[in-house]
Protein backbone atom coordinates (compact mmCIF):
# COMPACT_ATOMS: atom_id res chain seq x y z
CA MET A 1 100.03 3.00 41.91
CA ASN A 2 100.65 5.90 39.49
CA GLY A 3 101.88 2.82 36.94
CA SER A 4 98.48 1.10 37.46
CA PHE A 5 96.38 3.87 37.22
CA ARG A 6 97.82 4.86 33.95
CA TYR A 7 97.83 1.68 32.70
CA SER A 8 93.74 0.98 33.87
CA ALA A 9 92.86 1.34 29.95
CA VAL A 10 93.91 -2.07 29.30
CA PHE A 11 90.66 -2.97 31.82
CA SER A 12 87.95 -2.38 28.93
CA ASN A 13 88.88 -5.63 27.09
CA VAL A 14 86.84 -6.99 30.15
CA LEU A 15 84.13 -4.42 29.51
CA LEU A 16 83.41 -6.52 26.55
CA LEU A 17 82.27 -9.39 28.56
CA THR A 18 79.42 -7.20 29.68
CA ILE A 19 77.61 -6.41 26.61
CA ILE A 20 78.08 -9.90 25.58
CA TYR A 21 76.58 -11.26 28.47
CA LYS A 22 73.47 -9.63 27.73
CA HIS A 23 73.98 -12.14 24.24
CA ALA A 24 74.80 -15.79 26.10
CA HIS A 25 72.61 -18.68 25.55
CA ASP A 26 73.31 -19.50 29.31
CA PRO A 27 74.12 -16.80 31.31
CA ARG A 28 75.49 -19.39 34.26
CA GLN A 29 77.47 -20.71 31.57
CA MET A 30 78.57 -17.63 30.36
CA ARG A 31 79.69 -16.43 33.63
CA GLN A 32 81.62 -20.04 34.30
CA ILE A 33 83.41 -18.96 31.06
CA GLY A 34 84.33 -15.52 31.70
CA SER A 35 86.02 -16.39 35.13
CA VAL A 36 87.77 -19.84 33.49
CA SER A 37 89.29 -17.01 30.74
CA ILE A 38 90.04 -13.92 33.27
CA THR A 39 92.17 -16.31 35.04
CA VAL A 40 94.10 -18.66 32.57
CA SER A 41 95.17 -14.94 30.79
CA THR A 42 96.03 -13.96 33.99
CA LEU A 43 98.15 -17.14 34.89
CA LEU A 44 99.94 -16.78 31.20
CA LEU A 45 100.52 -12.95 31.33
CA THR A 46 102.25 -13.75 34.48
CA PHE A 47 103.95 -16.88 33.17
CA LEU A 48 105.27 -14.30 30.18
CA ILE A 49 106.65 -11.57 32.37
CA VAL A 50 108.52 -14.20 35.26
CA THR A 51 109.97 -15.77 31.30
CA TYR A 52 111.22 -12.62 29.91
CA HIS A 53 112.85 -11.81 32.85
CA MET A 54 114.56 -14.71 33.62
CA VAL A 55 115.55 -14.79 30.14
CA PHE A 56 116.64 -10.87 29.36
CA PRO A 57 117.73 -8.22 31.81
CA ALA A 58 114.76 -5.69 32.85
CA VAL A 59 116.95 -2.78 31.65
CA GLU A 60 116.11 -4.10 27.84
CA SER A 61 111.90 -4.52 28.64
CA GLU A 62 111.37 -0.62 28.28
CA GLN A 63 112.90 -0.99 24.76
CA VAL A 64 110.98 -4.12 23.59
CA SER A 65 107.30 -3.90 22.05
CA PHE A 66 106.62 -7.31 21.53
CA ALA A 67 108.37 -9.68 24.05
CA LEU A 68 106.49 -12.61 23.25
CA TYR A 69 107.80 -12.51 20.09
CA ARG A 70 111.50 -11.91 20.99
CA LEU A 71 111.48 -14.95 23.12
CA ALA A 72 110.24 -17.18 20.10
CA ARG A 73 112.98 -15.79 18.24
CA LEU A 74 114.77 -18.14 20.48
CA ILE A 75 112.99 -21.25 19.79
CA TYR A 76 115.10 -23.38 18.03
CA LEU A 77 114.47 -26.97 17.18
CA GLY A 78 117.38 -27.59 14.92
CA PRO A 79 118.34 -26.94 11.80
CA PHE A 80 115.63 -28.49 9.78
CA PHE A 81 112.73 -26.27 11.93
CA GLN A 82 113.70 -23.07 11.62
CA ARG A 83 111.51 -19.55 12.26
CA MET A 84 109.29 -20.73 14.61
CA GLU A 85 108.27 -17.01 15.69
CA SER A 86 105.92 -16.92 11.72
CA VAL A 87 103.45 -20.12 13.93
CA PHE A 88 103.52 -17.22 16.71
CA ILE A 89 102.71 -14.75 14.31
CA PHE A 90 99.93 -16.12 12.75
CA LEU A 91 98.04 -17.13 15.78
CA TRP A 92 98.75 -13.03 17.22
CA VAL A 93 96.94 -11.65 13.97
CA THR A 94 93.71 -14.05 14.50
CA SER A 95 93.53 -13.01 18.11
CA ALA A 96 93.62 -9.59 17.15
CA THR A 97 91.54 -9.89 13.84
CA VAL A 98 89.02 -11.56 16.31
CA LYS A 99 89.41 -8.88 18.99
CA MET A 100 88.71 -6.16 16.88
CA ALA A 101 85.70 -8.06 15.19
CA VAL A 102 84.12 -7.64 18.98
CA THR A 103 85.20 -4.59 19.82
CA LEU A 104 83.36 -3.36 16.29
CA TRP A 105 80.40 -5.58 16.93
CA CYS A 106 79.98 -3.79 20.88
CA SER A 107 80.74 -0.06 19.42
CA ALA A 108 77.93 -0.88 16.92
CA TYR A 109 75.78 -2.70 19.23
CA LEU A 110 75.83 0.13 21.65
CA LEU A 111 75.41 3.60 18.56
CA GLY A 112 72.52 1.43 18.12
CA LYS A 113 71.39 1.17 21.61
CA ALA A 114 71.87 4.56 22.07
CA PHE A 115 70.37 6.54 19.54
CA GLY A 116 67.40 4.21 19.62
CA TRP A 117 67.98 2.40 16.32
CA PRO A 118 66.08 -0.45 15.14
CA THR A 119 69.07 -2.02 13.86
CA TYR A 120 73.20 -1.87 14.59
CA ARG A 121 74.35 -3.66 11.55
CA PRO A 122 74.41 -0.30 9.45
CA ALA A 123 77.09 1.44 12.06
CA ILE A 124 79.22 -1.51 11.25
CA PRO A 125 80.49 -0.64 7.89
CA VAL A 126 81.23 3.19 9.31
CA LEU A 127 83.16 2.04 11.88
CA SER A 128 85.42 0.01 10.15
CA LEU A 129 85.36 3.02 7.46
CA LEU A 130 86.48 5.41 10.63
CA SER A 131 88.68 3.01 12.49
CA TRP A 132 90.78 2.40 9.28
CA SER A 133 90.66 5.87 8.63
CA ILE A 134 92.26 7.05 11.80
CA ALA A 135 94.31 3.88 11.55
CA MET A 136 96.16 5.66 8.85
CA TRP A 137 96.81 9.03 10.86
CA ALA A 138 100.54 7.90 11.79
CA ASP A 139 103.16 8.13 9.59
CA ASN A 140 105.38 5.22 11.29
CA TRP A 141 104.94 2.69 13.93
CA VAL A 142 107.17 5.31 16.46
CA GLN A 143 104.14 7.60 16.14
CA VAL A 144 101.57 4.90 17.10
CA VAL A 145 103.59 3.92 19.95
CA ASN A 146 103.59 7.33 20.87
CA VAL A 147 99.65 8.37 20.47
CA ASP A 148 98.98 4.92 22.47
CA GLY A 149 100.94 5.60 25.35
CA ARG A 150 100.41 9.17 25.28
CA TYR A 151 97.10 9.69 25.02
CA LEU A 152 95.31 6.31 24.54
CA MET A 153 96.46 4.96 27.99
CA SER A 154 96.85 7.92 29.58
CA TRP A 155 93.04 8.87 29.44
CA GLY A 156 91.67 5.59 28.77
CA TRP A 157 90.51 5.70 32.29
CA VAL A 158 88.18 8.19 30.96
CA ILE A 159 86.38 5.90 28.82
CA VAL A 160 86.96 2.58 31.28
CA PHE A 161 85.68 4.28 34.91
CA ALA A 162 84.59 7.74 34.47
CA LEU A 163 81.91 7.29 32.17
CA PRO A 164 79.92 4.07 33.26
CA ILE A 165 80.07 6.05 36.76
CA ALA A 166 79.07 9.09 35.50
CA VAL A 167 75.99 7.13 34.09
CA LEU A 168 75.28 4.96 35.80
CA PHE A 169 75.12 8.49 38.56
CA ILE A 170 72.85 9.83 36.06
CA GLY A 171 70.47 7.03 35.89
CA VAL A 172 69.87 6.82 39.67
CA LEU A 173 69.67 10.47 39.92
CA ARG A 174 66.74 10.49 37.11
CA ARG A 175 64.68 7.28 38.88
CA GLY A 176 65.40 9.43 42.19
CA LEU A 177 63.57 12.37 40.93
CA ARG A 178 60.87 9.78 38.82
CA GLY A 179 60.11 8.27 42.07
CA PRO A 180 60.02 4.47 43.19
CA HIS A 181 56.74 3.64 41.60
CA ASP A 182 57.21 5.84 38.69
CA GLY A 183 58.77 3.74 36.04
CA PRO A 184 58.18 3.18 32.26
CA GLY A 185 55.44 0.94 32.87
CA ASP A 186 53.36 2.79 35.61
CA ARG A 187 53.72 5.75 32.52
CA ARG A 188 52.27 3.13 30.13
CA ARG A 189 49.35 1.96 31.99
CA ARG A 190 48.56 5.70 33.08
CA ARG A 191 47.96 6.32 29.34
CA ARG A 192 45.97 4.14 28.95
CA SER A 193 43.63 4.26 31.63
CA VAL A 194 43.84 7.82 29.80
CA ARG A 195 42.93 6.85 26.31
CA HIS A 196 40.23 4.60 27.66
CA ALA A 197 38.63 7.25 29.62
């Protein structure tokens, strides 16, 4: 239970679907795509973990950062086809680039909505430069892994769970103080009636 709560920051990838859902052409199809993608990714990850533990002992899993890369190095298709892990590296870099692009777009979109900007596009180069600057802080790969495990994974649940729940609670509280029939449309109608009067 402790390990599950510690690594619950991985759920932030699922939260991206709540932002993309609004921009889908067909929300019903988007719901089906999300369910299928989550199911397939869960099955693939389970198959990877089972395969890795069938090949390597459990003690070495704590010392390996990329289990799939280590499994890919064991693929042998004869003397002509060698170094097949390079194909997997190309696929991983492509998927990581797509994931970073989606995360950057969602961050810019949320900033634009939060501050009431007419467009979110000027925030994209700023966030790109900020992300690149933060990525250059670490001196080596060991520091990146330590920062990820000590801060991002340990305290990521605050952004993933605590912040949305706090925003939801504040919204419900403000709506309760305003009253059930005091929405933005009602305020606009009252303003128009005062102007006409």
